[in-house]
C-alpha atoms as a PDB file:
ATOM      1  CA  MET A   1      73.146 -74.104 -12.403  1.00  0.00           C
ATOM      2  CA  ASN A   2      73.221 -70.868 -14.423  1.00  0.00           C
ATOM      3  CA  ASN A   3      76.771 -69.496 -14.212  1.00  0.00           C
ATOM      4  CA  GLY A   4      75.819 -66.105 -15.627  1.00  0.00           C
ATOM      5  CA  LYS A   5      76.949 -66.855 -19.188  1.00  0.00           C
ATOM      6  CA  LYS A   6      73.449 -67.505 -20.429  1.00  0.00           C
ATOM      7  CA  ALA A   7      69.978 -66.466 -19.319  1.00  0.00           C
ATOM      8  CA  TYR A   8      67.965 -69.634 -19.797  1.00  0.00           C
ATOM      9  CA  THR A   9      64.390 -69.407 -21.052  1.00  0.00           C
ATOM     10  CA  ILE A  10      61.223 -71.423 -20.664  1.00  0.00           C
ATOM     11  CA  PHE A  11      62.104 -73.094 -23.985  1.00  0.00           C
ATOM     12  CA  ASP A  12      65.361 -74.426 -22.482  1.00  0.00           C
ATOM     13  CA  VAL A  13      63.463 -75.820 -19.490  1.00  0.00           C
ATOM     14  CA  ALA A  14      60.886 -77.487 -21.750  1.00  0.00           C
ATOM     15  CA  GLU A  15      63.615 -79.025 -23.946  1.00  0.00           C
ATOM     16  CA  LEU A  16      65.601 -80.360 -20.988  1.00  0.00           C
ATOM     17  CA  ALA A  17      62.496 -81.781 -19.307  1.00  0.00           C
ATOM     18  CA  GLY A  18      61.097 -83.160 -22.555  1.00  0.00           C
ATOM     19  CA  VAL A  19      57.742 -81.389 -22.233  1.00  0.00           C
ATOM     20  CA  SER A  20      55.892 -78.532 -23.921  1.00  0.00           C
ATOM     21  CA  ILE A  21      56.376 -74.907 -22.874  1.00  0.00           C
ATOM     22  CA  SER A  22      52.697 -74.783 -21.880  1.00  0.00           C
ATOM     23  CA  THR A  23      53.325 -77.594 -19.390  1.00  0.00           C
ATOM     24  CA  VAL A  24      56.282 -75.686 -17.936  1.00  0.00           C
ATOM     25  CA  SER A  25      54.087 -72.583 -17.649  1.00  0.00           C
ATOM     26  CA  ARG A  26      51.388 -74.559 -15.845  1.00  0.00           C
ATOM     27  CA  VAL A  27      53.931 -75.933 -13.367  1.00  0.00           C
ATOM     28  CA  ILE A  28      55.146 -72.408 -12.599  1.00  0.00           C
ATOM     29  CA  ASN A  29      51.680 -70.868 -12.210  1.00  0.00           C
ATOM     30  CA  SER A  30      49.277 -73.705 -11.323  1.00  0.00           C
ATOM     31  CA  PRO A  31      51.396 -76.710 -10.280  1.00  0.00           C
ATOM     32  CA  GLU A  32      48.468 -78.652  -8.824  1.00  0.00           C
ATOM     33  CA  LYS A  33      47.128 -79.072 -12.376  1.00  0.00           C
ATOM     34  CA  VAL A  34      50.160 -81.102 -13.459  1.00  0.00           C
ATOM     35  CA  ASN A  35      50.816 -84.671 -12.344  1.00  0.00           C
ATOM     36  CA  ILE A  36      53.541 -85.060  -9.750  1.00  0.00           C
ATOM     37  CA  ASN A  37      56.012 -87.000 -11.941  1.00  0.00           C
ATOM     38  CA  THR A  38      55.948 -84.423 -14.734  1.00  0.00           C
ATOM     39  CA  ARG A  39      56.108 -81.642 -12.173  1.00  0.00           C
ATOM     40  CA  GLN A  40      59.221 -83.126 -10.554  1.00  0.00           C
ATOM     41  CA  LYS A  41      60.929 -83.532 -13.929  1.00  0.00           C
ATOM     42  CA  ILE A  42      60.334 -79.839 -14.677  1.00  0.00           C
ATOM     43  CA  TYR A  43      61.525 -78.697 -11.251  1.00  0.00           C
ATOM     44  CA  GLU A  44      64.729 -80.674 -11.726  1.00  0.00           C
ATOM     45  CA  ALA A  45      65.285 -78.972 -15.082  1.00  0.00           C
ATOM     46  CA  ILE A  46      64.612 -75.557 -13.556  1.00  0.00           C
ATOM     47  CA  ASP A  47      67.046 -76.232 -10.742  1.00  0.00           C
ATOM     48  CA  LYS A  48      69.734 -77.522 -13.096  1.00  0.00           C
ATOM     49  CA  LEU A  49      69.496 -74.480 -15.350  1.00  0.00           C
ATOM     50  CA  GLY A  50      68.965 -71.936 -12.592  1.00  0.00           C
ATOM     51  CA  PHE A  51      65.969 -70.647 -14.568  1.00  0.00           C
ATOM     52  CA  VAL A  52      64.093 -67.577 -13.285  1.00  0.00           C
ATOM     53  CA  PRO A  53      60.734 -66.779 -14.954  1.00  0.00           C
ATOM     54  CA  GLN A  54      61.411 -63.319 -16.419  1.00  0.00           C
ATOM     55  CA  ALA A  55      57.804 -62.289 -16.977  1.00  0.00           C
ATOM     56  CA  GLU A  56      57.038 -62.908 -13.323  1.00  0.00           C
ATOM     57  CA  ALA A  57      60.160 -61.018 -12.265  1.00  0.00           C
ATOM     58  CA  ARG A  58      59.111 -58.001 -14.334  1.00  0.00           C
ATOM     59  CA  ALA A  59      55.591 -58.109 -12.906  1.00  0.00           C
ATOM     60  CA  ARG A  60      57.027 -58.217  -9.426  1.00  0.00           C
ATOM     61  CA  ALA A  61      59.263 -55.215 -10.078  1.00  0.00           C
ATOM     62  CA  LEU A  62      56.249 -53.170 -11.199  1.00  0.00           C
ATOM     63  CA  ARG A  63      54.267 -53.813  -8.027  1.00  0.00           C
ATOM     64  CA  PHE A  64      54.060 -51.068  -5.425  1.00  0.00           C
ATOM     65  CA  ASN A  65      53.260 -53.331  -2.499  1.00  0.00           C
ATOM     66  CA  GLY A  66      55.446 -56.229  -1.506  1.00  0.00           C
ATOM     67  CA  ARG A  67      53.919 -59.640  -0.865  1.00  0.00           C
ATOM     68  CA  ILE A  68      54.504 -61.990   2.047  1.00  0.00           C
ATOM     69  CA  GLY A  69      53.334 -65.581   1.678  1.00  0.00           C
ATOM     70  CA  VAL A  70      52.336 -67.840   4.551  1.00  0.00           C
ATOM     71  CA  ILE A  71      52.050 -71.596   4.041  1.00  0.00           C
ATOM     72  CA  THR A  72      49.900 -73.070   6.804  1.00  0.00           C
ATOM     73  CA  PRO A  73      48.041 -76.341   7.429  1.00  0.00           C
ATOM     74  CA  PHE A  74      44.410 -76.348   6.349  1.00  0.00           C
ATOM     75  CA  PHE A  75      42.684 -76.944   9.629  1.00  0.00           C
ATOM     76  CA  THR A  76      41.257 -74.439  12.034  1.00  0.00           C
ATOM     77  CA  ALA A  77      43.109 -75.399  15.204  1.00  0.00           C
ATOM     78  CA  PRO A  78      43.000 -72.340  17.469  1.00  0.00           C
ATOM     79  CA  SER A  79      46.794 -72.306  17.732  1.00  0.00           C
ATOM     80  CA  PHE A  80      47.099 -71.685  13.973  1.00  0.00           C
ATOM     81  CA  VAL A  81      44.506 -68.920  14.153  1.00  0.00           C
ATOM     82  CA  GLN A  82      46.480 -67.190  16.895  1.00  0.00           C
ATOM     83  CA  ARG A  83      49.778 -67.504  15.023  1.00  0.00           C
ATOM     84  CA  LEU A  84      48.176 -66.010  11.907  1.00  0.00           C
ATOM     85  CA  ARG A  85      46.749 -63.224  14.049  1.00  0.00           C
ATOM     86  CA  GLY A  86      50.279 -62.340  15.157  1.00  0.00           C
ATOM     87  CA  ILE A  87      51.529 -62.430  11.559  1.00  0.00           C
ATOM     88  CA  ALA A  88      48.693 -60.229  10.307  1.00  0.00           C
ATOM     89  CA  ALA A  89      49.133 -57.751  13.153  1.00  0.00           C
ATOM     90  CA  ALA A  90      52.867 -57.421  12.447  1.00  0.00           C
ATOM     91  CA  LEU A  91      52.182 -56.742   8.752  1.00  0.00           C
ATOM     92  CA  SER A  92      49.268 -54.365   9.298  1.00  0.00           C
ATOM     93  CA  LYS A  93      51.499 -51.267   9.333  1.00  0.00           C
ATOM     94  CA  GLU A  94      53.912 -52.496   6.679  1.00  0.00           C
ATOM     95  CA  ASN A  95      53.777 -52.029   2.939  1.00  0.00           C
ATOM     96  CA  PHE A  96      53.218 -55.721   2.264  1.00  0.00           C
ATOM     97  CA  ASP A  97      50.205 -57.770   1.248  1.00  0.00           C
ATOM     98  CA  LEU A  98      49.616 -61.053   3.070  1.00  0.00           C
ATOM     99  CA  ILE A  99      48.952 -64.114   0.907  1.00  0.00           C
ATOM    100  CA  ILE A 100      47.919 -67.311   2.722  1.00  0.00           C
ATOM    101  CA  TYR A 101      48.485 -70.702   1.096  1.00  0.00           C
ATOM    102  CA  THR A 102      46.587 -73.468   2.866  1.00  0.00           C
ATOM    103  CA  VAL A 103      47.870 -77.048   2.760  1.00  0.00           C
ATOM    104  CA  ASP A 104      45.413 -79.949   2.785  1.00  0.00           C
ATOM    105  CA  SER A 105      47.693 -82.697   1.484  1.00  0.00           C
ATOM    106  CA  ASN A 106      51.363 -83.559   1.150  1.00  0.00           C
ATOM    107  CA  ASN A 107      51.019 -83.141  -2.610  1.00  0.00           C
ATOM    108  CA  ARG A 108      49.825 -79.548  -2.199  1.00  0.00           C
ATOM    109  CA  LEU A 109      52.602 -78.783   0.271  1.00  0.00           C
ATOM    110  CA  GLN A 110      55.190 -80.015  -2.219  1.00  0.00           C
ATOM    111  CA  SER A 111      53.551 -77.969  -4.989  1.00  0.00           C
ATOM    112  CA  TYR A 112      53.902 -74.776  -2.962  1.00  0.00           C
ATOM    113  CA  LEU A 113      57.447 -75.489  -1.798  1.00  0.00           C
ATOM    114  CA  SER A 114      58.525 -76.231  -5.359  1.00  0.00           C
ATOM    115  CA  SER A 115      56.704 -73.482  -7.253  1.00  0.00           C
ATOM    116  CA  LEU A 116      56.620 -70.428  -4.965  1.00  0.00           C
ATOM    117  CA  PRO A 117      60.390 -69.810  -5.028  1.00  0.00           C
ATOM    118  CA  LEU A 118      60.307 -69.836  -8.852  1.00  0.00           C
ATOM    119  CA  THR A 119      57.525 -67.376  -9.604  1.00  0.00           C
ATOM    120  CA  GLY A 120      59.078 -64.211  -8.180  1.00  0.00           C
ATOM    121  CA  ASN A 121      55.639 -63.309  -6.822  1.00  0.00           C
ATOM    122  CA  LEU A 122      56.737 -63.195  -3.190  1.00  0.00           C
ATOM    123  CA  ASP A 123      59.209 -61.030  -1.307  1.00  0.00           C
ATOM    124  CA  GLY A 124      59.271 -63.377   1.677  1.00  0.00           C
ATOM    125  CA  LEU A 125      57.743 -66.579   3.010  1.00  0.00           C
ATOM    126  CA  VAL A 126      56.655 -67.907   6.410  1.00  0.00           C
ATOM    127  CA  ILE A 127      56.047 -71.649   6.780  1.00  0.00           C
ATOM    128  CA  VAL A 128      53.935 -72.591   9.805  1.00  0.00           C
ATOM    129  CA  SER A 129      54.184 -76.002  11.492  1.00  0.00           C
ATOM    130  CA  LEU A 130      55.071 -77.915   8.335  1.00  0.00           C
ATOM    131  CA  PRO A 131      58.102 -80.065   7.493  1.00  0.00           C
ATOM    132  CA  VAL A 132      60.546 -78.780   4.887  1.00  0.00           C
ATOM    133  CA  ALA A 133      62.952 -81.219   3.224  1.00  0.00           C
ATOM    134  CA  ASP A 134      66.562 -80.377   2.397  1.00  0.00           C
ATOM    135  CA  ASN A 135      65.911 -80.167  -1.349  1.00  0.00           C
ATOM    136  CA  ASP A 136      63.093 -77.663  -0.733  1.00  0.00           C
ATOM    137  CA  VAL A 137      65.378 -75.627   1.528  1.00  0.00           C
ATOM    138  CA  ASN A 138      67.999 -75.574  -1.218  1.00  0.00           C
ATOM    139  CA  ARG A 139      65.445 -74.324  -3.732  1.00  0.00           C
ATOM    140  CA  LEU A 140      64.377 -71.505  -1.410  1.00  0.00           C
ATOM    141  CA  LEU A 141      68.007 -70.486  -0.960  1.00  0.00           C
ATOM    142  CA  GLU A 142      68.974 -70.773  -4.628  1.00  0.00           C
ATOM    143  CA  HIS A 143      66.069 -68.534  -5.654  1.00  0.00           C
ATOM    144  CA  ASN A 144      66.793 -66.047  -2.863  1.00  0.00           C
ATOM    145  CA  LEU A 145      63.372 -66.193  -1.234  1.00  0.00           C
ATOM    146  CA  PRO A 146      63.770 -65.068   2.401  1.00  0.00           C
ATOM    147  CA  THR A 147      61.995 -67.633   4.574  1.00  0.00           C
ATOM    148  CA  VAL A 148      61.157 -68.122   8.245  1.00  0.00           C
ATOM    149  CA  LEU A 149      60.025 -71.470   9.655  1.00  0.00           C
ATOM    150  CA  ILE A 150      57.723 -71.641  12.678  1.00  0.00           C
ATOM    151  CA  GLU A 151      57.875 -74.839  14.781  1.00  0.00           C
ATOM    152  CA  PHE A 152      60.094 -76.777  12.360  1.00  0.00           C
ATOM    153  CA  PRO A 153      63.775 -75.866  12.743  1.00  0.00           C
ATOM    154  CA  HIS A 154      66.291 -76.144   9.917  1.00  0.00           C
ATOM    155  CA  HIS A 155      69.845 -74.890  10.354  1.00  0.00           C
ATOM    156  CA  LEU A 156      69.944 -73.138   6.959  1.00  0.00           C
ATOM    157  CA  LEU A 157      66.716 -71.153   7.388  1.00  0.00           C
ATOM    158  CA  ASN A 158      65.483 -68.635   9.935  1.00  0.00           C
ATOM    159  CA  GLY A 159      63.264 -70.192  12.578  1.00  0.00           C
ATOM    160  CA  VAL A 160      61.001 -69.498  15.535  1.00  0.00           C
ATOM    161  CA  GLU A 161      60.344 -72.448  17.808  1.00  0.00           C
ATOM    162  CA  ILE A 162      59.742 -73.698  21.321  1.00  0.00           C
ATOM    163  CA  ASP A 163      61.200 -76.620  23.259  1.00  0.00           C
ATOM    164  CA  ASP A 164      58.227 -79.008  23.324  1.00  0.00           C
ATOM    165  CA  VAL A 165      60.145 -81.625  25.308  1.00  0.00           C
ATOM    166  CA  ALA A 166      60.915 -79.076  28.023  1.00  0.00           C
ATOM    167  CA  GLY A 167      57.270 -77.987  27.984  1.00  0.00           C
ATOM    168  CA  GLY A 168      56.030 -81.534  28.537  1.00  0.00           C
ATOM    169  CA  ARG A 169      58.529 -81.942  31.343  1.00  0.00           C
ATOM    170  CA  MET A 170      57.492 -78.617  32.909  1.00  0.00           C
ATOM    171  CA  ALA A 171      53.794 -79.558  33.012  1.00  0.00           C
ATOM    172  CA  THR A 172      54.475 -82.996  34.458  1.00  0.00           C
ATOM    173  CA  GLU A 173      56.957 -81.793  37.072  1.00  0.00           C
ATOM    174  CA  TYR A 174      54.398 -79.271  38.266  1.00  0.00           C
ATOM    175  CA  LEU A 175      51.864 -82.040  38.834  1.00  0.00           C
ATOM    176  CA  ILE A 176      54.464 -84.215  40.574  1.00  0.00           C
ATOM    177  CA  ASN A 177      55.408 -81.320  42.854  1.00  0.00           C
ATOM    178  CA  GLN A 178      51.728 -80.992  43.726  1.00  0.00           C
ATOM    179  CA  GLY A 179      51.939 -84.519  45.115  1.00  0.00           C
ATOM    180  CA  HIS A 180      50.423 -86.474  42.222  1.00  0.00           C
ATOM    181  CA  LYS A 181      51.763 -89.952  41.517  1.00  0.00           C
ATOM    182  CA  ARG A 182      49.078 -91.312  39.167  1.00  0.00           C
ATOM    183  CA  ILE A 183      49.334 -88.983  36.185  1.00  0.00           C
ATOM    184  CA  ALA A 184      47.824 -89.653  32.775  1.00  0.00           C
ATOM    185  CA  PHE A 185      48.765 -88.158  29.427  1.00  0.00           C
ATOM    186  CA  LEU A 186      46.291 -87.285  26.670  1.00  0.00           C
ATOM    187  CA  GLY A 187      47.561 -86.315  23.226  1.00  0.00           C
ATOM    188  CA  ASP A 188      46.141 -86.023  19.722  1.00  0.00           C
ATOM    189  CA  SER A 189      46.254 -88.794  17.156  1.00  0.00           C
ATOM    190  CA  ASP A 190      44.834 -87.455  13.905  1.00  0.00           C
ATOM    191  CA  LEU A 191      47.285 -84.888  12.573  1.00  0.00           C
ATOM    192  CA  PRO A 192      47.575 -85.331   8.786  1.00  0.00           C
ATOM    193  CA  GLU A 193      50.639 -86.789   7.077  1.00  0.00           C
ATOM    194  CA  TYR A 194      51.870 -83.385   5.931  1.00  0.00           C
ATOM    195  CA  SER A 195      51.998 -81.866   9.413  1.00  0.00           C
ATOM    196  CA  ILE A 196      54.585 -82.003  12.171  1.00  0.00           C
ATOM    197  CA  HIS A 197      53.641 -83.567  15.495  1.00  0.00           C
ATOM    198  CA  PRO A 198      54.859 -81.584  18.526  1.00  0.00           C
ATOM    199  CA  VAL A 199      52.654 -83.651  20.839  1.00  0.00           C
ATOM    200  CA  SER A 200      55.074 -86.576  20.512  1.00  0.00           C
ATOM    201  CA  LEU A 201      57.794 -84.292  21.902  1.00  0.00           C
ATOM    202  CA  ARG A 202      55.557 -83.219  24.791  1.00  0.00           C
ATOM    203  CA  LEU A 203      54.968 -86.901  25.545  1.00  0.00           C
ATOM    204  CA  LYS A 204      58.736 -87.404  25.591  1.00  0.00           C
ATOM    205  CA  GLY A 205      59.020 -84.639  28.210  1.00  0.00           C
ATOM    206  CA  PHE A 206      56.209 -86.242  30.199  1.00  0.00           C
ATOM    207  CA  ARG A 207      58.031 -89.572  30.247  1.00  0.00           C
ATOM    208  CA  GLN A 208      61.304 -87.904  31.244  1.00  0.00           C
ATOM    209  CA  ALA A 209      59.676 -86.213  34.248  1.00  0.00           C
ATOM    210  CA  ILE A 210      57.970 -89.437  35.310  1.00  0.00           C
ATOM    211  CA  LYS A 211      61.260 -91.343  35.083  1.00  0.00           C
ATOM    212  CA  ASN A 212      63.199 -88.643  36.948  1.00  0.00           C
ATOM    213  CA  ALA A 213      60.676 -88.856  39.800  1.00  0.00           C
ATOM    214  CA  ASN A 214      60.962 -92.666  39.919  1.00  0.00           C
ATOM    215  CA  LEU A 215      57.275 -93.017  39.171  1.00  0.00           C
ATOM    216  CA  GLU A 216      55.555 -95.511  36.912  1.00  0.00           C
ATOM    217  CA  VAL A 217      52.639 -94.826  34.614  1.00  0.00           C
ATOM    218  CA  PRO A 218      50.221 -97.630  33.733  1.00  0.00           C
ATOM    219  CA  LYS A 219      50.333 -98.317  30.005  1.00  0.00           C
ATOM    220  CA  ASP A 220      46.689 -97.327  29.555  1.00  0.00           C
ATOM    221  CA  PHE A 221      47.357 -93.934  31.183  1.00  0.00           C
ATOM    222  CA  VAL A 222      49.016 -92.710  27.973  1.00  0.00           C
ATOM    223  CA  ARG A 223      46.186 -92.101  25.553  1.00  0.00           C
ATOM    224  CA  LEU A 224      45.766 -90.490  22.153  1.00  0.00           C
ATOM    225  CA  ALA A 225      42.536 -89.157  20.704  1.00  0.00           C
ATOM    226  CA  PRO A 226      41.465 -87.165  17.629  1.00  0.00           C
ATOM    227  CA  TYR A 227      41.956 -83.433  18.094  1.00  0.00           C
ATOM    228  CA  ASN A 228      38.551 -82.291  19.326  1.00  0.00           C
ATOM    229  CA  GLN A 229      36.846 -81.791  22.655  1.00  0.00           C
ATOM    230  CA  GLU A 230      34.322 -84.587  22.254  1.00  0.00           C
ATOM    231  CA  GLN A 231      36.895 -87.309  21.597  1.00  0.00           C
ATOM    232  CA  ALA A 232      39.013 -85.994  24.458  1.00  0.00           C
ATOM    233  CA  ARG A 233      35.938 -86.138  26.703  1.00  0.00           C
ATOM    234  CA  ILE A 234      35.309 -89.773  25.768  1.00  0.00           C
ATOM    235  CA  VAL A 235      38.907 -90.826  26.474  1.00  0.00           C
ATOM    236  CA  ALA A 236      38.998 -88.852  29.719  1.00  0.00           C
ATOM    237  CA  LYS A 237      35.788 -90.568  30.840  1.00  0.00           C
ATOM    238  CA  GLU A 238      37.410 -93.950  30.174  1.00  0.00           C
ATOM    239  CA  LEU A 239      40.398 -92.913  32.295  1.00  0.00           C
ATOM    240  CA  LEU A 240      38.207 -91.673  35.127  1.00  0.00           C
ATOM    241  CA  ASP A 241      36.075 -94.838  35.051  1.00  0.00           C
ATOM    242  CA  ASN A 242      39.221 -96.834  35.840  1.00  0.00           C
ATOM    243  CA  PRO A 243      38.955 -98.622  39.233  1.00  0.00           C
ATOM    244  CA  ASN A 244      42.126 -96.768  40.246  1.00  0.00           C
ATOM    245  CA  PRO A 245      41.877 -93.590  38.171  1.00  0.00           C
ATOM    246  CA  PRO A 246      44.549 -90.929  37.686  1.00  0.00           C
ATOM    247  CA  THR A 247      44.577 -88.003  40.082  1.00  0.00           C
ATOM    248  CA  ALA A 248      45.966 -85.731  37.375  1.00  0.00           C
ATOM    249  CA  ILE A 249      45.803 -85.513  33.586  1.00  0.00           C
ATOM    250  CA  PHE A 250      48.264 -83.636  31.395  1.00  0.00           C
ATOM    251  CA  ALA A 251      46.502 -82.845  28.123  1.00  0.00           C
ATOM    252  CA  ALA A 252      49.025 -81.933  25.447  1.00  0.00           C
ATOM    253  CA  THR A 253      46.680 -79.274  24.020  1.00  0.00           C
ATOM    254  CA  ASP A 254      44.295 -76.866  25.696  1.00  0.00           C
ATOM    255  CA  LEU A 255      41.451 -77.928  23.425  1.00  0.00           C
ATOM    256  CA  GLN A 256      41.726 -81.495  24.696  1.00  0.00           C
ATOM    257  CA  ALA A 257      42.078 -80.290  28.294  1.00  0.00           C
ATOM    258  CA  LEU A 258      38.641 -78.681  27.940  1.00  0.00           C
ATOM    259  CA  GLY A 259      37.260 -82.090  26.966  1.00  0.00           C
ATOM    260  CA  VAL A 260      38.809 -83.549  30.134  1.00  0.00           C
ATOM    261  CA  LEU A 261      37.141 -80.854  32.242  1.00  0.00           C
ATOM    262  CA  LYS A 262      33.794 -81.648  30.655  1.00  0.00           C
ATOM    263  CA  ALA A 263      34.161 -85.366  31.422  1.00  0.00           C
ATOM    264  CA  ALA A 264      35.002 -84.546  35.042  1.00  0.00           C
ATOM    265  CA  ARG A 265      31.894 -82.366  35.379  1.00  0.00           C
ATOM    266  CA  GLN A 266      29.682 -85.101  33.959  1.00  0.00           C
ATOM    267  CA  LEU A 267      31.107 -87.628  36.435  1.00  0.00           C
ATOM    268  CA  ASN A 268      30.924 -85.181  39.355  1.00  0.00           C
ATOM    269  CA  VAL A 269      34.692 -85.351  39.795  1.00  0.00           C
ATOM    270  CA  LYS A 270      35.823 -82.230  41.621  1.00  0.00           C
ATOM    271  CA  ILE A 271      38.499 -80.094  39.952  1.00  0.00           C
ATOM    272  CA  PRO A 272      41.231 -79.814  41.231  1.00  0.00           C
ATOM    273  CA  ASP A 273      40.508 -81.666  44.513  1.00  0.00           C
ATOM    274  CA  GLN A 274      39.899 -85.065  42.939  1.00  0.00           C
ATOM    275  CA  LEU A 275      41.471 -84.434  39.542  1.00  0.00           C
ATOM    276  CA  ALA A 276      44.076 -81.887  38.488  1.00  0.00           C
ATOM    277  CA  VAL A 277      44.100 -80.913  34.811  1.00  0.00           C
ATOM    278  CA  ILE A 278      46.815 -79.053  32.954  1.00  0.00           C
ATOM    279  CA  GLY A 279      46.904 -78.111  29.279  1.00  0.00           C
ATOM    280  CA  PHE A 280      49.400 -76.732  26.775  1.00  0.00           C
ATOM    281  CA  ASP A 281      49.335 -73.595  24.552  1.00  0.00           C
ATOM    282  CA  ASP A 282      47.417 -71.032  26.650  1.00  0.00           C
ATOM    283  CA  LEU A 283      44.841 -70.388  23.969  1.00  0.00           C
ATOM    284  CA  ASP A 284      42.404 -67.531  24.438  1.00  0.00           C
ATOM    285  CA  MET A 285      39.815 -70.021  25.694  1.00  0.00           C
ATOM    286  CA  ALA A 286      42.150 -71.312  28.440  1.00  0.00           C
ATOM    287  CA  GLU A 287      41.827 -68.124  30.471  1.00  0.00           C
ATOM    288  CA  TYR A 288      38.045 -68.208  30.119  1.00  0.00           C
ATOM    289  CA  ALA A 289      38.004 -71.792  31.479  1.00  0.00           C
ATOM    290  CA  ASP A 290      40.493 -70.961  34.286  1.00  0.00           C
ATOM    291  CA  LEU A 291      42.703 -73.722  32.886  1.00  0.00           C
ATOM    292  CA  THR A 292      46.189 -74.224  34.261  1.00  0.00           C
ATOM    293  CA  THR A 293      48.446 -74.565  31.228  1.00  0.00           C
ATOM    294  CA  VAL A 294      51.876 -74.175  29.684  1.00  0.00           C
ATOM    295  CA  ARG A 295      51.926 -70.943  27.725  1.00  0.00           C
ATOM    296  CA  GLN A 296      53.669 -70.806  24.395  1.00  0.00           C
ATOM    297  CA  HIS A 297      53.545 -67.346  22.868  1.00  0.00           C
ATOM    298  CA  LEU A 298      51.490 -68.068  19.759  1.00  0.00           C
ATOM    299  CA  ASP A 299      50.734 -64.504  18.635  1.00  0.00           C
ATOM    300  CA  GLU A 300      54.296 -63.560  19.496  1.00  0.00           C
ATOM    301  CA  SER A 301      55.713 -66.349  17.328  1.00  0.00           C
ATOM    302  CA  GLY A 302      53.897 -64.916  14.312  1.00  0.00           C
ATOM    303  CA  ARG A 303      54.986 -61.369  15.102  1.00  0.00           C
ATOM    304  CA  ILE A 304      58.640 -62.328  15.599  1.00  0.00           C
ATOM    305  CA  ALA A 305      58.640 -64.410  12.422  1.00  0.00           C
ATOM    306  CA  ILE A 306      57.575 -61.327  10.453  1.00  0.00           C
ATOM    307  CA  GLU A 307      60.159 -59.127  12.164  1.00  0.00           C
ATOM    308  CA  ILE A 308      62.911 -61.588  11.233  1.00  0.00           C
ATOM    309  CA  LEU A 309      61.584 -61.915   7.692  1.00  0.00           C
ATOM    310  CA  LEU A 310      61.398 -58.166   7.065  1.00  0.00           C
ATOM    311  CA  SER A 311      64.930 -57.674   8.398  1.00  0.00           C
ATOM    312  CA  HIS A 312      66.235 -60.292   5.959  1.00  0.00           C
ATOM    313  CA  ILE A 313      64.265 -58.797   3.068  1.00  0.00           C
ATOM    314  CA  SER A 314      65.897 -55.412   3.736  1.00  0.00           C
ATOM    315  CA  ASP A 315      69.361 -56.953   4.203  1.00  0.00           C
ATOM    316  CA  ASN A 316      69.906 -60.362   2.643  1.00  0.00           C
ATOM    317  CA  THR A 317      73.428 -60.565   4.090  1.00  0.00           C
ATOM    318  CA  ARG A 318      72.132 -60.949   7.654  1.00  0.00           C
ATOM    319  CA  PRO A 319      73.060 -64.275   9.281  1.00  0.00           C
ATOM    320  CA  VAL A 320      70.396 -66.935   9.801  1.00  0.00           C
ATOM    321  CA  GLN A 321      68.451 -66.379  13.033  1.00  0.00           C
ATOM    322  CA  HIS A 322      66.976 -69.055  15.302  1.00  0.00           C
ATOM    323  CA  ILE A 323      64.722 -67.854  18.101  1.00  0.00           C
ATOM    324  CA  THR A 324      63.512 -70.198  20.849  1.00  0.00           C
ATOM    325  CA  LEU A 325      60.586 -68.618  22.669  1.00  0.00           C
ATOM    326  CA  PRO A 326      60.251 -69.200  26.416  1.00  0.00           C
ATOM    327  CA  LEU A 327      57.540 -71.353  27.959  1.00  0.00           C
ATOM    328  CA  THR A 328      55.698 -70.285  31.087  1.00  0.00           C
ATOM    329  CA  LEU A 329      53.509 -72.275  33.463  1.00  0.00           C
ATOM    330  CA  ILE A 330      50.271 -70.359  33.963  1.00  0.00           C
ATOM    331  CA  LYS A 331      48.635 -71.361  37.244  1.00  0.00           C
ATOM    332  CA  ARG A 332      44.867 -71.067  37.323  1.00  0.00           C
ATOM    333  CA  LEU A 333      42.139 -73.124  39.017  1.00  0.00           C
ATOM    334  CA  THR A 334      42.394 -76.607  37.480  1.00  0.00           C
ATOM    335  CA  ALA A 335      45.724 -77.762  38.973  1.00  0.00           C
END
């Protein structure tokens, strides 16, 4: 690390890493254009020297507007759209530009986590529903980039999260209290390698509630399907075609719950008399469908993340904050 006795330059980084200065420059500005092994070698040299790109720092100082970066998975799940809506709304009256970095592979995620702290282009960073390793956390801290994580807690960084296990338990206990004993679970199976998987935690809560009630769930009542309504409809139809079908289905996402409702309509299964359905998220579409669901405050999570971030940008001595947002069971017409 730089102990203040010397301001290291791009030439020092290139010499230590054994590469050209143009390669170092590419890693700082366009890391995806450099192969991962070379990139890692350069990042290690940067970390060892404590190098800060001076040209980028000067450019940042000359800007009038600040810049907030958001790293988010590259898929259009409604929950991500609503979180981003909350982030954008919170920044709309602030003197900051919003820069969105979409992740479509683990390689791209690592590129962002490694390069963004170095460039000096950002005043703060929000990372949405993506895992962050300890070495990436250390880089963010060493380069003094205020950061807030949403949905992935780390004790050294600010975070906004929910208790997915408690949410799964809440949904299942509600169905049990309604008198249901044959309850199925439907979760998603196709989240990419670079994403976190809260549905597995909701399944854990489901199993806890079932065990606490001394109930048993047939093995084929726990099902996973790709995250879309059509695949959820197909799996729900298979469940309902069972000779002794479930009387209730807990879908771990609202989008999949809508697929369950469609399957029930096609089979003339009456909701909620013959089948109770409960979802998770309380997306905008859930109210339109009169879906009973567990509400997590998606817009609010984005807004609070920005509030925390801006407070740490204005005062970098503030202690790390971890906010756990409450979950609420929203009773509508499907359960």
